[in-house]
Amino acid sequence: MDTFGRAALERLLSPFLSPACAPRLWSEAWQQRRVTPTSLWAWSRSYGDQLAALAVAAGLTETQLQQHLSDRRLPDREALEMLADLNCFPHVTPAARPMAAV
């Protein structure tokens, strides 16, 4: 069973991605950007599922994910949103939509 692996992450984070570009984003994350499930789970725990999905949509690499985690640096949401929109153009990534004011 893939409880903590790729399939589980895709099920958890895909609702925050555009259905039209999610398969491509996941393929690029795992194959080209060498993202590991361990790093993405750590992002999800540290920054929340929405920012973890934005990291995938923005095209962050394994090295970039690890750097944020080791620096304990809060990701720049606006930068991630911009990169996610560029990677998903012309589709809008749900996680990149403005959050409702609380």
C-alpha atoms as a PDB file:
ATOM      1  CA  MET A   1       0.000   0.000   0.000  1.00  0.00           C
ATOM      2  CA  ASP A   2       1.215   3.497  -0.894  1.00  0.00           C
ATOM      3  CA  THR A   3       0.149   5.231   2.325  1.00  0.00           C
ATOM      4  CA  PHE A   4       2.986   7.749   2.352  1.00  0.00           C
ATOM      5  CA  GLY A   5       4.094   7.598  -1.266  1.00  0.00           C
ATOM      6  CA  ARG A   6       3.388   9.299  -4.528  1.00  0.00           C
ATOM      7  CA  ALA A   7      -0.167   8.056  -5.032  1.00  0.00           C
ATOM      8  CA  ALA A   8      -1.236   9.220  -1.572  1.00  0.00           C
ATOM      9  CA  LEU A   9       0.268  12.667  -2.174  1.00  0.00           C
ATOM     10  CA  GLU A  10      -1.416  12.944  -5.542  1.00  0.00           C
ATOM     11  CA  ARG A  11      -4.788  12.078  -3.967  1.00  0.00           C
ATOM     12  CA  LEU A  12      -4.229  14.595  -1.159  1.00  0.00           C
ATOM     13  CA  LEU A  13      -2.906  17.510  -3.197  1.00  0.00           C
ATOM     14  CA  SER A  14      -4.583  17.126  -6.607  1.00  0.00           C
ATOM     15  CA  PRO A  15      -7.797  18.875  -5.477  1.00  0.00           C
ATOM     16  CA  PHE A  16      -5.648  22.025  -5.201  1.00  0.00           C
ATOM     17  CA  LEU A  17      -4.369  21.652  -8.776  1.00  0.00           C
ATOM     18  CA  SER A  18      -6.067  22.322 -12.065  1.00  0.00           C
ATOM     19  CA  PRO A  19      -7.466  19.007 -13.320  1.00  0.00           C
ATOM     20  CA  ALA A  20      -6.357  19.991 -16.826  1.00  0.00           C
ATOM     21  CA  CYS A  21      -2.683  20.233 -15.902  1.00  0.00           C
ATOM     22  CA  ALA A  22      -2.365  18.042 -12.776  1.00  0.00           C
ATOM     23  CA  PRO A  23      -1.155  14.905 -14.605  1.00  0.00           C
ATOM     24  CA  ARG A  24       1.617  16.880 -16.312  1.00  0.00           C
ATOM     25  CA  LEU A  25       2.591  18.647 -13.077  1.00  0.00           C
ATOM     26  CA  TRP A  26       2.860  15.343 -11.199  1.00  0.00           C
ATOM     27  CA  SER A  27       4.887  13.750 -13.977  1.00  0.00           C
ATOM     28  CA  GLU A  28       7.293  16.687 -14.041  1.00  0.00           C
ATOM     29  CA  ALA A  29       7.565  16.774 -10.239  1.00  0.00           C
ATOM     30  CA  TRP A  30       8.470  13.097  -9.926  1.00  0.00           C
ATOM     31  CA  GLN A  31      10.533  12.637 -13.075  1.00  0.00           C
ATOM     32  CA  GLN A  32      12.133  15.932 -14.063  1.00  0.00           C
ATOM     33  CA  ARG A  33      12.342  17.775 -10.759  1.00  0.00           C
ATOM     34  CA  ARG A  34      13.155  14.636  -8.754  1.00  0.00           C
ATOM     35  CA  VAL A  35      10.750  15.586  -5.959  1.00  0.00           C
ATOM     36  CA  THR A  36      10.603  12.871  -3.317  1.00  0.00           C
ATOM     37  CA  PRO A  37       7.470  11.933  -1.391  1.00  0.00           C
ATOM     38  CA  THR A  38       9.396  12.483   1.843  1.00  0.00           C
ATOM     39  CA  SER A  39      10.085  16.144   1.032  1.00  0.00           C
ATOM     40  CA  LEU A  40       6.583  16.821  -0.201  1.00  0.00           C
ATOM     41  CA  TRP A  41       5.040  15.230   2.912  1.00  0.00           C
ATOM     42  CA  ALA A  42       7.340  17.426   5.015  1.00  0.00           C
ATOM     43  CA  TRP A  43       6.132  20.490   3.103  1.00  0.00           C
ATOM     44  CA  SER A  44       2.543  19.468   3.626  1.00  0.00           C
ATOM     45  CA  ARG A  45       3.088  19.055   7.374  1.00  0.00           C
ATOM     46  CA  SER A  46       5.124  22.259   7.711  1.00  0.00           C
ATOM     47  CA  TYR A  47       3.240  24.622   5.414  1.00  0.00           C
ATOM     48  CA  GLY A  48      -0.122  22.975   4.719  1.00  0.00           C
ATOM     49  CA  ASP A  49      -1.565  21.045   1.819  1.00  0.00           C
ATOM     50  CA  GLN A  50      -2.383  24.116  -0.239  1.00  0.00           C
ATOM     51  CA  LEU A  51       1.214  25.420  -0.205  1.00  0.00           C
ATOM     52  CA  ALA A  52       2.525  21.926  -0.903  1.00  0.00           C
ATOM     53  CA  ALA A  53       0.266  21.777  -3.961  1.00  0.00           C
ATOM     54  CA  LEU A  54       1.466  25.232  -4.993  1.00  0.00           C
ATOM     55  CA  ALA A  55       5.052  23.991  -4.747  1.00  0.00           C
ATOM     56  CA  VAL A  56       4.181  21.233  -7.223  1.00  0.00           C
ATOM     57  CA  ALA A  57       2.329  23.637  -9.519  1.00  0.00           C
ATOM     58  CA  ALA A  58       5.143  26.185  -9.283  1.00  0.00           C
ATOM     59  CA  GLY A  59       7.658  23.572 -10.380  1.00  0.00           C
ATOM     60  CA  LEU A  60       9.893  23.598  -7.321  1.00  0.00           C
ATOM     61  CA  THR A  61      12.677  21.054  -7.404  1.00  0.00           C
ATOM     62  CA  GLU A  62      13.691  18.622  -4.689  1.00  0.00           C
ATOM     63  CA  THR A  63      16.632  20.890  -3.884  1.00  0.00           C
ATOM     64  CA  GLN A  64      14.363  23.914  -3.486  1.00  0.00           C
ATOM     65  CA  LEU A  65      11.920  22.011  -1.270  1.00  0.00           C
ATOM     66  CA  GLN A  66      14.772  20.767   0.906  1.00  0.00           C
ATOM     67  CA  GLN A  67      16.317  24.238   1.142  1.00  0.00           C
ATOM     68  CA  HIS A  68      13.080  25.743   2.462  1.00  0.00           C
ATOM     69  CA  LEU A  69      12.744  22.931   4.975  1.00  0.00           C
ATOM     70  CA  SER A  70      16.314  23.141   6.205  1.00  0.00           C
ATOM     71  CA  ASP A  71      16.185  26.944   6.453  1.00  0.00           C
ATOM     72  CA  ARG A  72      12.744  26.736   8.084  1.00  0.00           C
ATOM     73  CA  ARG A  73      11.838  29.508   5.704  1.00  0.00           C
ATOM     74  CA  LEU A  74       8.168  30.234   5.051  1.00  0.00           C
ATOM     75  CA  PRO A  75       7.505  29.989   1.305  1.00  0.00           C
ATOM     76  CA  ASP A  76       6.619  33.160  -0.571  1.00  0.00           C
ATOM     77  CA  ARG A  77       3.001  32.415  -1.468  1.00  0.00           C
ATOM     78  CA  GLU A  78       2.770  35.185  -4.071  1.00  0.00           C
ATOM     79  CA  ALA A  79       5.850  33.912  -5.906  1.00  0.00           C
ATOM     80  CA  LEU A  80       4.496  30.356  -5.831  1.00  0.00           C
ATOM     81  CA  GLU A  81       1.138  31.566  -7.171  1.00  0.00           C
ATOM     82  CA  MET A  82       2.803  33.433 -10.026  1.00  0.00           C
ATOM     83  CA  LEU A  83       4.923  30.415 -10.986  1.00  0.00           C
ATOM     84  CA  ALA A  84       1.930  28.086 -10.667  1.00  0.00           C
ATOM     85  CA  ASP A  85      -0.125  30.299 -12.979  1.00  0.00           C
ATOM     86  CA  LEU A  86       2.700  30.333 -15.524  1.00  0.00           C
ATOM     87  CA  ASN A  87       3.081  26.546 -15.366  1.00  0.00           C
ATOM     88  CA  CYS A  88      -0.652  25.966 -15.695  1.00  0.00           C
ATOM     89  CA  PHE A  89      -1.480  28.646 -18.247  1.00  0.00           C
ATOM     90  CA  PRO A  90      -4.194  28.970 -19.517  1.00  0.00           C
ATOM     91  CA  HIS A  91      -5.695  26.969 -16.646  1.00  0.00           C
ATOM     92  CA  VAL A  92      -5.942  28.449 -13.170  1.00  0.00           C
ATOM     93  CA  THR A  93      -4.510  26.395 -10.345  1.00  0.00           C
ATOM     94  CA  PRO A  94      -7.131  26.362  -7.559  1.00  0.00           C
ATOM     95  CA  ALA A  95      -4.454  26.765  -4.880  1.00  0.00           C
ATOM     96  CA  ALA A  96      -3.273  29.918  -6.636  1.00  0.00           C
ATOM     97  CA  ARG A  97      -6.659  31.580  -6.326  1.00  0.00           C
ATOM     98  CA  PRO A  98      -6.836  34.303  -3.696  1.00  0.00           C
ATOM     99  CA  MET A  99      -7.760  33.010  -0.270  1.00  0.00           C
ATOM    100  CA  ALA A 100     -10.888  34.406   1.328  1.00  0.00           C
ATOM    101  CA  ALA A 101     -10.245  36.931   4.055  1.00  0.00           C
ATOM    102  CA  VAL A 102     -10.865  35.547   7.507  1.00  0.00           C
END
